[in-house]
Structures are given as C-alpha cells and as structure tokens.
C-alpha cells in the first residue's frame, strides 16, 4: 500500500509535524462540526492529462462505500462515516460526517482519490486490469510491474502540480540479503540491524536516520483468570520489578526505548511526561507485594526476540518473589490466545501507536476487549469525551488526564518499543524523511519530492 502513496494524491498529506494541505489548499468546518468544505487546487492533473476536480473526490467517497479498498479509514466498526459528499462546483468539495470527531479530518484527508472517468465504468475493482487501472495523480507514474519477481518501477510525472519529483525513477527490487545488497550498491536504503548500526555511524559515507517503530512489547495480564492481578498493587509491583532498561540493552541491543505506562509513546506530541514512570525498583516492588509470593505462567511466541524478552522478565521478577513459567508457542497460537483469554500473562509486540491518540479509546475505553477482567468507568468517560472534543487544547488536557489514570491503574504493562535505523548514502540520494505517525521513511510520499525550506519547516493542520 505504501507504493500507492506516490501514485495517488490525497486531500491532505503528512509530514514530520502533522497533516498538511495537499490537493485541498484550505477548508472550513460547519458550526455543528459535521460538515467540511474543501477548496481544491485548480492545477492538478491525472496522469492521462485530464484535470482532477472535486467531482473525482466526491465520486471516490461514494465508490469506496460500495467497493471498500484494502485500507479504508472511512469505515469504522462496520459503519461508513460519511453521510454525504458532493461537488459544490468544479473545485469545491463538501463532505458531511455521521458525527463530530477530531479524527475525521485526518481520515478523509488520507483517502486516495481515484479518477471518476475511469472507475465509474468498473463494477469489479479487484478484477479490473484494463486501460487506466494505474492512472493516478501523484508525483510518479507506474512504469512496470513484474508479479513473478515482485519488482516495481515508477517514473516521474513531469506535469505534477506539487513539489518536483526528486528522482527520475524509483525501483523496488526484492533481494535475499538486504545488507549485502546495500553494501554492493544494488539498493539505496536499508533498515539496519542494531548490531551493525555503529559501523555506519562512524563512516561519513553514510547517514543513519532513527525513528520509533510505533510498536511496543507489552505484558498483558488476564485478570479474569488470575484474581491476584485484580489488585493494582500487584500490577504495579510487576512494573517496578521488571528491568525494562535491561530489555532495551540486552534484548533490543540498544535499538529501543522504554515505553510509557500511559501507553502514549514518549516521542508523541500527545505524551504526558508528568505521570508515574516506574523506574526499576525491586525494593518498591517487594514493598507493594507485602511479602506475598506468586507464580504465573507467561505465554510468548517462539521467536528469538520474544523468548529473549520473556526470559529477561522471568529473571527480573524472580528477584521480587514472583516465579514465571515461560511457555512458547507459534505466533498464531499466541495471537489467538489474546482473543480467547487462554493465558495468565502474555507477551506480545504490537503497533498502531502512531498518530491520533484516539487509539486509547479502543484499548481502555468502553467496549475494549484487549484487557481481560479490567475496566474503569472514569477512564472510559474521559476517552469518550476526547473523541468528540474539537478544541485541541481541551482535548489534550483530556488525553493527558487519561494517561495519568491509566498509568496509575497499570491494566497492561508497557515494556519497550523498537527503534528503526535507516541507513543511506547522502551523496546518492538525500531526501528521506519520517512522517509524524510512521517510522518507515521509504513509505512516505514526501521522501520522493523536493521540498522548499518553508515546506520542511511544516504547515500543519
């Protein structure tokens, strides 16, 4: 899906700081917060030379309702969030949503717009491979695709309305050993393993860009299966008793960051630093346990990384009188246990932690099923309130308050999240960037265009 970003344009784009105007130069929101009016650029073209208009955007919204794409942010919980979309004139789009939500602008803004003059005649988009199937409006056009090799080649769109394409062509070529291919100059970018990153940092020929993966290992506790875990002091003792920095140093070999018990990552602008940080403190852990000892089973997958983290947790907790019996299974079996609740403690590494903090509501709010045997009406109420608050300052206060309460409750122990280290030769290409909500710089449209200094400084919504 990342390759589609350079092929199709959107109303908004994402840079290092937030959402920025793209095909939509500006917009207004109605007093009731449900209707957005977008003023679109008048010089955007499809790759076949036809103009891109508000009619294309309105058509796309309707088409995705009938034919949902693989990634469809306009569909939430089985309901389509757009109730009406129409072109008021050639370059003015009006969209009405089912309710007020501070997340809807980003969702509609990220919708990839498709050409009406091609897709209005297509009843089966999955089977369609005819003329115009890859016509987009982005900075690059698809030049070739080899399905057997899995190789893609894109070429610059000379009539692109926006920032100039930074390369004449972009190729994605599958390789067996990415490090070796990078060393041989066959590819121009790698996400380097932690062990070899220092050698690149010490060589001026290379640049290393680091970003959080927006994933985190977390220790899930089944409070339905283990009544002792219903005691917040026991849960807090486990956090104080796990040397999370050791997980960073030993399991992730330094290429990670200790996670926050408020769930929101420390690299996020929504992160509340004024919450309990839970430094490694075995004495505090034993004090909270009050002399009691416990034995828990810990389910993990059978990957080398998962097993390493599990064993380090076992070692840490043994120092505070908690015995952990590690059970390793295939990842699918472990993942299934998350849903069935057939575990006491469960170790998993999950993502989805970038972007808007409304993800807190799906985990800790009403209807959340991730945490077995735990709920908190106060936290759920705050998370529901932030989900309809359009004032960014008031909403931030709510998100901060929710993080503090979550950290005090510790319904799930957040451990550490990996860092991605991308290495490249700046003399060959030096336009790589990270979006505010995504860690893979090769997935970002703005990595492949030439931006002015003011554009790089950021104009966020």
Protein backbone atom coordinates (compact mmCIF):
# COMPACT_ATOMS: atom_id res chain seq x y z
CA UNK A 1 0.00 0.00 0.00
CA UNK A 2 2.90 2.39 0.62
CA UNK A 3 3.71 2.41 -3.10
CA UNK A 4 0.24 3.76 -3.81
CA UNK A 5 1.15 6.96 -1.97
CA UNK A 6 3.37 8.11 -4.81
CA UNK A 7 0.80 7.04 -7.41
CA UNK A 8 -2.35 8.64 -5.95
CA UNK A 9 -2.78 12.00 -4.28
CA UNK A 10 -4.95 12.88 -1.28
CA UNK A 11 -6.70 15.93 0.12
CA UNK A 12 -4.09 16.18 2.87
CA UNK A 13 -0.57 14.84 3.22
CA UNK A 14 1.55 14.03 6.29
CA UNK A 15 4.95 15.50 7.11
CA UNK A 16 7.18 15.40 10.18
CA UNK A 17 4.83 17.56 12.22
CA UNK A 18 1.26 16.71 11.25
CA UNK A 19 -1.30 16.89 8.45
CA UNK A 20 -0.63 19.50 5.76
CA UNK A 21 -2.67 20.88 2.85
CA UNK A 22 -2.22 18.92 -0.38
CA UNK A 23 -4.92 18.65 -3.05
CA UNK A 24 -7.05 20.65 -0.63
CA UNK A 25 -5.48 24.10 -0.26
CA UNK A 26 -7.86 25.09 2.55
CA UNK A 27 -11.11 24.09 4.25
CA UNK A 28 -13.82 25.25 6.65
CA UNK A 29 -15.82 23.36 9.25
CA UNK A 30 -19.53 23.99 9.91
CA UNK A 31 -20.73 25.21 13.30
CA UNK A 32 -22.05 21.77 14.22
CA UNK A 33 -18.64 20.24 13.42
CA UNK A 34 -20.01 17.67 10.97
CA UNK A 35 -19.56 19.30 7.55
CA UNK A 36 -16.20 20.12 5.96
CA UNK A 37 -15.86 22.23 2.83
CA UNK A 38 -12.58 21.70 0.95
CA UNK A 39 -11.18 24.14 -1.60
CA UNK A 40 -9.12 22.08 -4.01
CA UNK A 41 -6.20 23.05 -6.23
CA UNK A 42 -7.11 24.03 -9.75
CA UNK A 43 -3.91 22.81 -11.47
CA UNK A 44 -3.85 19.12 -10.54
CA UNK A 45 -3.91 16.61 -13.41
CA UNK A 46 -4.38 12.89 -13.78
CA UNK A 47 -1.51 11.02 -15.38
CA UNK A 48 -3.51 10.86 -18.63
CA UNK A 49 -3.69 14.67 -18.73
CA UNK A 50 -7.31 15.15 -17.63
CA UNK A 51 -7.99 17.65 -14.80
CA UNK A 52 -8.57 16.39 -11.26
CA UNK A 53 -11.69 18.01 -9.80
CA UNK A 54 -13.95 17.95 -6.78
CA UNK A 55 -16.22 15.58 -8.73
CA UNK A 56 -13.41 12.99 -8.65
CA UNK A 57 -13.14 13.30 -4.87
CA UNK A 58 -16.91 13.05 -4.33
CA UNK A 59 -17.06 10.05 -6.67
CA UNK A 60 -14.20 8.34 -4.79
CA UNK A 61 -16.04 8.65 -1.47
CA UNK A 62 -19.14 7.03 -2.94
CA UNK A 63 -17.15 4.35 -4.76
CA UNK A 64 -15.33 3.33 -1.58
CA UNK A 65 -18.69 2.96 0.16
CA UNK A 66 -19.74 0.38 -2.44
CA UNK A 67 -16.30 -1.13 -3.02
CA UNK A 68 -14.21 -0.79 0.18
CA UNK A 69 -10.45 -0.73 -0.51
CA UNK A 70 -8.00 -2.85 1.48
CA UNK A 71 -7.28 0.13 3.74
CA UNK A 72 -10.44 2.15 4.33
CA UNK A 73 -10.37 4.69 7.17
CA UNK A 74 -13.86 5.83 6.20
CA UNK A 75 -15.30 2.56 7.52
CA UNK A 76 -15.35 2.29 11.34
CA UNK A 77 -16.96 -0.60 13.15
CA UNK A 78 -18.84 -1.58 10.02
CA UNK A 79 -20.34 1.91 9.55
CA UNK A 80 -19.38 4.40 6.85
CA UNK A 81 -18.54 7.72 8.50
CA UNK A 82 -19.52 9.89 5.50
CA UNK A 83 -23.24 10.54 5.14
CA UNK A 84 -22.98 12.86 2.13
CA UNK A 85 -20.31 14.05 -0.31
CA UNK A 86 -20.83 16.38 -3.27
CA UNK A 87 -19.02 18.81 -5.52
CA UNK A 88 -20.41 22.31 -4.95
CA UNK A 89 -18.51 23.45 -8.03
CA UNK A 90 -15.54 22.24 -10.08
CA UNK A 91 -13.04 22.65 -7.25
CA UNK A 92 -15.12 22.78 -4.05
CA UNK A 93 -15.90 19.58 -2.19
CA UNK A 94 -18.39 19.31 0.68
CA UNK A 95 -18.31 16.29 2.99
CA UNK A 96 -20.78 15.60 5.82
CA UNK A 97 -19.94 13.06 8.52
CA UNK A 98 -22.15 10.96 10.77
CA UNK A 99 -20.93 12.67 13.94
CA UNK A 100 -18.38 15.09 15.36
CA UNK A 101 -14.87 13.66 15.66
CA UNK A 102 -11.42 15.28 15.80
CA UNK A 103 -10.07 12.26 13.85
CA UNK A 104 -12.28 12.61 10.78
CA UNK A 105 -10.21 15.31 9.05
CA UNK A 106 -7.17 13.02 9.01
CA UNK A 107 -9.28 10.09 7.84
CA UNK A 108 -10.87 11.90 4.91
CA UNK A 109 -7.60 13.69 4.23
CA UNK A 110 -5.75 10.40 3.72
CA UNK A 111 -8.26 8.95 1.24
CA UNK A 112 -6.56 8.20 -2.08
CA UNK A 113 -8.59 9.91 -4.80
CA UNK A 114 -9.25 7.90 -7.98
CA UNK A 115 -10.29 9.22 -11.43
CA UNK A 116 -14.04 9.15 -12.00
CA UNK A 117 -13.68 8.97 -15.79
CA UNK A 118 -12.03 5.57 -15.43
CA UNK A 119 -13.55 3.93 -12.36
CA UNK A 120 -17.20 4.91 -12.92
CA UNK A 121 -17.27 2.17 -15.57
CA UNK A 122 -15.72 -0.50 -13.31
CA UNK A 123 -18.10 -2.77 -11.38
CA UNK A 124 -15.42 -5.21 -10.14
CA UNK A 125 -12.37 -3.22 -9.00
CA UNK A 126 -10.49 -6.32 -7.80
CA UNK A 127 -10.60 -7.96 -11.22
CA UNK A 128 -10.05 -4.75 -13.21
CA UNK A 129 -6.72 -4.66 -15.09
CA UNK A 130 -7.79 -2.71 -18.15
CA UNK A 131 -6.60 0.59 -19.59
CA UNK A 132 -6.29 3.25 -16.93
CA UNK A 133 -6.13 0.85 -13.98
CA UNK A 134 -2.99 2.55 -12.69
CA UNK A 135 -3.79 6.14 -13.68
CA UNK A 136 -3.22 8.33 -10.64
CA UNK A 137 -2.37 11.95 -9.92
CA UNK A 138 0.72 11.58 -7.73
CA UNK A 139 4.31 12.63 -8.42
CA UNK A 140 5.18 9.30 -10.07
CA UNK A 141 3.56 7.01 -12.65
CA UNK A 142 3.78 3.24 -12.66
CA UNK A 143 6.18 2.26 -15.44
CA UNK A 144 6.36 -1.52 -14.93
CA UNK A 145 5.46 -4.31 -12.52
CA UNK A 146 6.83 -7.85 -12.51
CA UNK A 147 4.41 -10.01 -10.49
CA UNK A 148 6.74 -13.01 -10.50
CA UNK A 149 9.73 -11.07 -9.18
CA UNK A 150 7.67 -8.62 -7.13
CA UNK A 151 9.55 -5.68 -8.68
CA UNK A 152 8.06 -2.22 -9.28
CA UNK A 153 9.35 0.70 -11.32
CA UNK A 154 7.88 4.20 -11.16
CA UNK A 155 8.88 7.22 -13.27
CA UNK A 156 8.45 10.91 -12.51
CA UNK A 157 5.23 12.63 -13.61
CA UNK A 158 6.50 15.74 -15.41
CA UNK A 159 3.19 17.62 -15.13
CA UNK A 160 2.79 17.12 -11.40
CA UNK A 161 1.13 20.11 -9.73
CA UNK A 162 3.18 19.95 -6.50
CA UNK A 163 6.78 19.66 -5.33
CA UNK A 164 9.10 18.43 -8.06
CA UNK A 165 9.78 14.69 -8.10
CA UNK A 166 13.27 14.17 -6.67
CA UNK A 167 14.18 11.16 -8.81
CA UNK A 168 13.74 10.29 -12.45
CA UNK A 169 12.73 6.78 -11.44
CA UNK A 170 12.14 4.69 -8.33
CA UNK A 171 12.56 0.92 -8.27
CA UNK A 172 11.59 -1.62 -5.63
CA UNK A 173 13.67 -4.76 -6.18
CA UNK A 174 13.39 -7.84 -3.92
CA UNK A 175 16.75 -9.01 -2.57
CA UNK A 176 17.74 -12.01 -0.47
CA UNK A 177 20.22 -10.21 1.81
CA UNK A 178 19.42 -6.51 2.10
CA UNK A 179 22.64 -5.63 3.96
CA UNK A 180 24.80 -7.29 1.30
CA UNK A 181 22.75 -5.70 -1.49
CA UNK A 182 23.19 -2.29 0.14
CA UNK A 183 26.94 -2.77 0.51
CA UNK A 184 27.13 -3.73 -3.17
CA UNK A 185 25.16 -0.66 -4.22
CA UNK A 186 22.22 -2.70 -5.55
CA UNK A 187 19.77 -0.86 -3.27
CA UNK A 188 19.98 2.62 -1.75
CA UNK A 189 18.35 2.27 1.68
CA UNK A 190 18.22 -0.34 4.46
CA UNK A 191 16.67 -0.65 7.88
CA UNK A 192 19.88 -1.81 9.53
CA UNK A 193 20.09 -4.41 12.30
CA UNK A 194 21.16 -2.91 15.63
CA UNK A 195 24.48 -4.79 15.65
CA UNK A 196 25.83 -3.07 12.55
CA UNK A 197 24.45 0.45 13.04
CA UNK A 198 27.61 1.71 14.87
CA UNK A 199 29.81 0.87 11.88
CA UNK A 200 27.64 3.07 9.65
CA UNK A 201 27.52 5.93 12.16
CA UNK A 202 31.32 6.02 12.19
CA UNK A 203 31.59 6.21 8.39
CA UNK A 204 30.99 9.66 6.83
CA UNK A 205 29.88 7.99 3.59
CA UNK A 206 26.63 7.03 5.28
CA UNK A 207 23.79 8.75 7.14
CA UNK A 208 21.72 7.00 9.78
CA UNK A 209 18.18 8.24 10.46
CA UNK A 210 16.46 6.85 13.56
CA UNK A 211 12.75 6.79 14.36
CA UNK A 212 10.48 4.97 16.76
CA UNK A 213 8.78 1.96 15.18
CA UNK A 214 5.45 2.86 16.85
CA UNK A 215 5.43 -0.69 18.21
CA UNK A 216 5.88 -1.79 21.79
CA UNK A 217 6.28 -5.01 23.68
CA UNK A 218 3.60 -5.23 26.30
CA UNK A 219 2.84 -7.71 29.07
CA UNK A 220 -0.87 -8.47 29.13
CA UNK A 221 -2.46 -9.65 32.38
CA UNK A 222 -5.61 -11.76 32.46
CA UNK A 223 -7.50 -10.53 35.50
CA UNK A 224 -10.36 -12.90 34.79
CA UNK A 225 -8.08 -15.93 35.06
CA UNK A 226 -5.87 -14.69 37.92
CA UNK A 227 -7.70 -12.91 40.73
CA UNK A 228 -4.45 -11.68 42.31
CA UNK A 229 -3.90 -9.49 39.25
CA UNK A 230 -7.07 -7.56 40.05
CA UNK A 231 -5.05 -5.87 42.81
CA UNK A 232 -3.45 -2.72 41.36
CA UNK A 233 -0.59 -3.01 43.85
CA UNK A 234 0.34 -6.41 42.43
CA UNK A 235 0.30 -5.00 38.91
CA UNK A 236 2.42 -2.02 40.00
CA UNK A 237 4.85 -4.37 41.72
CA UNK A 238 5.34 -6.23 38.46
CA UNK A 239 6.19 -2.99 36.66
CA UNK A 240 8.68 -1.90 39.33
CA UNK A 241 10.10 -5.42 39.32
CA UNK A 242 10.85 -5.63 35.59
CA UNK A 243 14.15 -4.07 34.50
CA UNK A 244 12.83 -2.53 31.30
CA UNK A 245 16.11 -0.80 30.50
CA UNK A 246 17.73 -4.25 30.51
CA UNK A 247 15.20 -5.28 27.88
CA UNK A 248 16.36 -2.34 25.76
CA UNK A 249 20.06 -3.09 26.28
CA UNK A 250 20.02 -6.86 26.06
CA UNK A 251 17.00 -7.93 24.04
CA UNK A 252 16.90 -4.98 21.60
CA UNK A 253 20.68 -4.43 21.69
CA UNK A 254 20.12 -0.74 22.41
CA UNK A 255 17.84 -0.11 19.44
CA UNK A 256 14.72 0.56 21.51
CA UNK A 257 13.11 2.93 24.01
CA UNK A 258 11.42 2.23 27.34
CA UNK A 259 7.66 2.61 26.91
CA UNK A 260 5.22 4.66 28.98
CA UNK A 261 2.64 3.14 31.32
CA UNK A 262 0.21 5.71 29.96
CA UNK A 263 0.53 3.88 26.63
CA UNK A 264 1.19 7.00 24.51
CA UNK A 265 4.82 6.86 23.39
CA UNK A 266 7.33 9.43 24.71
CA UNK A 267 8.02 10.56 21.12
CA UNK A 268 4.38 11.59 20.61
CA UNK A 269 3.28 15.24 20.96
CA UNK A 270 0.36 13.82 22.99
CA UNK A 271 2.65 12.23 25.58
CA UNK A 272 2.16 13.27 29.21
CA UNK A 273 5.57 13.24 30.90
CA UNK A 274 4.08 14.02 34.31
CA UNK A 275 2.88 10.52 35.07
CA UNK A 276 4.36 7.70 37.12
CA UNK A 277 7.45 6.49 35.25
CA UNK A 278 8.00 3.24 37.19
CA UNK A 279 11.81 3.04 37.25
CA UNK A 280 13.28 -0.37 38.06
CA UNK A 281 12.95 -0.66 41.84
CA UNK A 282 12.90 -4.21 43.30
CA UNK A 283 12.59 -2.88 46.86
CA UNK A 284 9.49 -0.86 45.97
CA UNK A 285 8.07 -3.92 44.20
CA UNK A 286 8.55 -6.13 47.26
CA UNK A 287 7.01 -3.46 49.48
CA UNK A 288 3.89 -3.40 47.29
CA UNK A 289 3.67 -7.19 47.41
CA UNK A 290 3.79 -7.09 51.21
CA UNK A 291 5.81 -10.27 51.47
CA UNK A 292 3.49 -12.32 49.25
CA UNK A 293 4.90 -14.54 46.52
CA UNK A 294 3.24 -15.53 43.27
CA UNK A 295 3.64 -17.95 40.39
CA UNK A 296 2.39 -17.06 36.90
CA UNK A 297 2.60 -18.70 33.50
CA UNK A 298 3.79 -16.43 30.68
CA UNK A 299 2.77 -17.15 27.10
CA UNK A 300 5.04 -15.88 24.32
CA UNK A 301 5.71 -16.70 20.70
CA UNK A 302 8.70 -18.86 19.82
CA UNK A 303 10.70 -16.14 18.07
CA UNK A 304 14.23 -15.48 19.27
CA UNK A 305 13.31 -11.92 20.31
CA UNK A 306 10.15 -12.99 22.11
CA UNK A 307 11.94 -15.74 24.01
CA UNK A 308 14.76 -13.37 24.99
CA UNK A 309 12.34 -10.78 26.39
CA UNK A 310 10.36 -13.45 28.25
CA UNK A 311 13.47 -14.91 29.87
CA UNK A 312 14.68 -11.48 30.98
CA UNK A 313 11.27 -10.77 32.52
CA UNK A 314 11.43 -14.12 34.30
CA UNK A 315 14.88 -13.28 35.67
CA UNK A 316 13.82 -9.82 36.86
CA UNK A 317 10.66 -10.96 38.60
CA UNK A 318 12.42 -13.82 40.36
CA UNK A 319 14.25 -11.15 42.39
CA UNK A 320 10.97 -9.96 43.96
CA UNK A 321 9.44 -13.33 44.77
CA UNK A 322 7.46 -13.80 41.57
CA UNK A 323 8.03 -17.06 39.69
CA UNK A 324 7.34 -17.02 35.97
CA UNK A 325 6.96 -20.18 33.92
CA UNK A 326 7.57 -19.33 30.26
CA UNK A 327 5.56 -21.18 27.62
CA UNK A 328 6.45 -20.55 23.98
CA UNK A 329 4.11 -21.31 21.08
CA UNK A 330 3.73 -20.34 17.43
CA UNK A 331 2.78 -16.71 16.96
CA UNK A 332 -0.68 -17.56 15.59
CA UNK A 333 -1.43 -19.61 18.70
CA UNK A 334 -0.23 -16.75 20.93
CA UNK A 335 -2.28 -14.22 18.95
CA UNK A 336 -5.37 -16.40 19.22
CA UNK A 337 -4.92 -16.53 22.99
CA UNK A 338 -5.24 -12.74 23.12
CA UNK A 339 -8.83 -13.15 21.94
CA UNK A 340 -9.77 -16.33 23.79
CA UNK A 341 -8.18 -15.30 27.10
CA UNK A 342 -6.38 -18.63 27.49
CA UNK A 343 -3.39 -17.21 29.33
CA UNK A 344 -2.32 -15.71 32.66
CA UNK A 345 0.44 -13.40 31.41
CA UNK A 346 1.00 -12.89 27.70
CA UNK A 347 3.87 -11.17 25.88
CA UNK A 348 3.20 -9.53 22.54
CA UNK A 349 4.76 -6.83 20.37
CA UNK A 350 2.08 -4.65 18.75
CA UNK A 351 1.94 -1.46 16.72
CA UNK A 352 -0.69 1.10 15.82
CA UNK A 353 0.80 3.60 18.29
CA UNK A 354 1.43 6.46 15.87
CA UNK A 355 -0.86 9.33 15.01
CA UNK A 356 -4.01 10.34 16.81
CA UNK A 357 -4.35 9.22 20.46
CA UNK A 358 -7.93 8.07 19.95
CA UNK A 359 -6.35 4.61 19.86
CA UNK A 360 -6.50 4.81 23.67
CA UNK A 361 -10.28 4.55 23.49
CA UNK A 362 -10.21 1.28 21.56
CA UNK A 363 -7.99 -0.31 24.23
CA UNK A 364 -9.01 1.24 27.54
CA UNK A 365 -12.47 2.59 26.75
CA UNK A 366 -15.97 1.18 26.80
CA UNK A 367 -16.23 -1.90 24.64
CA UNK A 368 -12.48 -2.54 24.61
CA UNK A 369 -11.74 -6.27 24.64
CA UNK A 370 -7.96 -6.23 24.76
CA UNK A 371 -7.62 -6.33 28.56
CA UNK A 372 -9.32 -9.28 30.22
CA UNK A 373 -11.11 -8.62 33.51
CA UNK A 374 -10.48 -4.89 33.76
CA UNK A 375 -12.50 -1.76 33.09
CA UNK A 376 -12.63 1.73 34.55
CA UNK A 377 -15.71 3.96 34.04
CA UNK A 378 -13.79 7.17 34.75
CA UNK A 379 -11.12 6.43 32.17
CA UNK A 380 -13.74 5.31 29.66
CA UNK A 381 -15.71 8.54 30.18
CA UNK A 382 -12.64 10.72 29.64
CA UNK A 383 -11.67 8.83 26.50
CA UNK A 384 -15.19 9.19 25.14
CA UNK A 385 -15.10 12.94 25.85
CA UNK A 386 -11.81 13.45 23.99
CA UNK A 387 -13.21 11.60 20.98
CA UNK A 388 -15.72 14.42 20.32
CA UNK A 389 -13.71 17.42 21.54
CA UNK A 390 -12.68 19.66 18.61
CA UNK A 391 -10.76 22.20 20.71
CA UNK A 392 -7.16 20.87 20.54
CA UNK A 393 -6.13 22.34 23.90
CA UNK A 394 -9.14 20.96 25.77
CA UNK A 395 -8.69 17.63 24.05
CA UNK A 396 -5.04 17.46 25.04
CA UNK A 397 -5.98 18.02 28.68
CA UNK A 398 -8.34 15.05 28.47
CA UNK A 399 -5.75 12.82 26.82
CA UNK A 400 -3.18 13.81 29.47
CA UNK A 401 -5.63 13.02 32.26
CA UNK A 402 -6.43 9.64 30.74
CA UNK A 403 -2.74 8.74 30.55
CA UNK A 404 -2.24 9.59 34.22
CA UNK A 405 -5.14 7.41 35.30
CA UNK A 406 -4.06 4.55 33.04
CA UNK A 407 -0.53 4.70 34.46
CA UNK A 408 -1.96 4.63 38.00
CA UNK A 409 -4.06 1.56 37.17
CA UNK A 410 -1.46 -0.35 35.08
CA UNK A 411 -4.03 -2.56 33.33
CA UNK A 412 -1.33 -3.59 30.87
CA UNK A 413 2.44 -3.38 31.39
CA UNK A 414 4.16 -1.45 28.61
CA UNK A 415 7.76 -2.62 28.20
CA UNK A 416 9.85 -1.24 25.33
CA UNK A 417 9.48 -0.27 21.69
CA UNK A 418 11.99 -0.83 18.91
CA UNK A 419 13.75 1.96 17.02
CA UNK A 420 14.24 1.77 13.26
CA UNK A 421 17.66 2.77 11.95
CA UNK A 422 17.61 3.60 8.25
CA UNK A 423 20.98 3.89 6.52
CA UNK A 424 21.67 5.53 3.15
CA UNK A 425 24.38 7.29 1.13
CA UNK A 426 23.50 11.02 1.08
CA UNK A 427 25.72 11.58 -1.95
CA UNK A 428 23.41 9.26 -3.90
CA UNK A 429 20.06 10.47 -2.50
CA UNK A 430 19.31 12.73 0.44
CA UNK A 431 15.56 13.34 0.59
CA UNK A 432 14.49 10.67 3.09
CA UNK A 433 12.09 11.83 5.82
CA UNK A 434 9.84 10.41 8.54
CA UNK A 435 6.15 11.16 8.90
CA UNK A 436 4.90 12.11 12.35
CA UNK A 437 2.92 8.86 12.57
CA UNK A 438 5.05 6.35 10.64
CA UNK A 439 8.58 5.02 11.03
CA UNK A 440 9.39 3.79 7.51
CA UNK A 441 10.92 6.65 5.53
CA UNK A 442 10.72 4.70 2.26
CA UNK A 443 6.92 4.56 2.63
CA UNK A 444 6.44 8.33 2.57
CA UNK A 445 5.49 10.36 -0.48
CA UNK A 446 7.48 13.36 0.75
CA UNK A 447 10.65 11.24 0.69
CA UNK A 448 10.44 11.31 -3.10
CA UNK A 449 9.84 15.01 -3.82
CA UNK A 450 11.91 18.17 -3.44
CA UNK A 451 10.50 20.38 -0.71
CA UNK A 452 11.38 24.01 -0.03
CA UNK A 453 12.78 25.04 3.35
CA UNK A 454 9.41 26.51 4.35
CA UNK A 455 7.68 23.25 3.40
CA UNK A 456 10.12 21.28 5.53
CA UNK A 457 9.52 23.66 8.45
CA UNK A 458 5.94 22.42 8.39
CA UNK A 459 2.47 23.86 7.92
CA UNK A 460 0.25 21.57 9.95
CA UNK A 461 -3.49 21.50 10.41
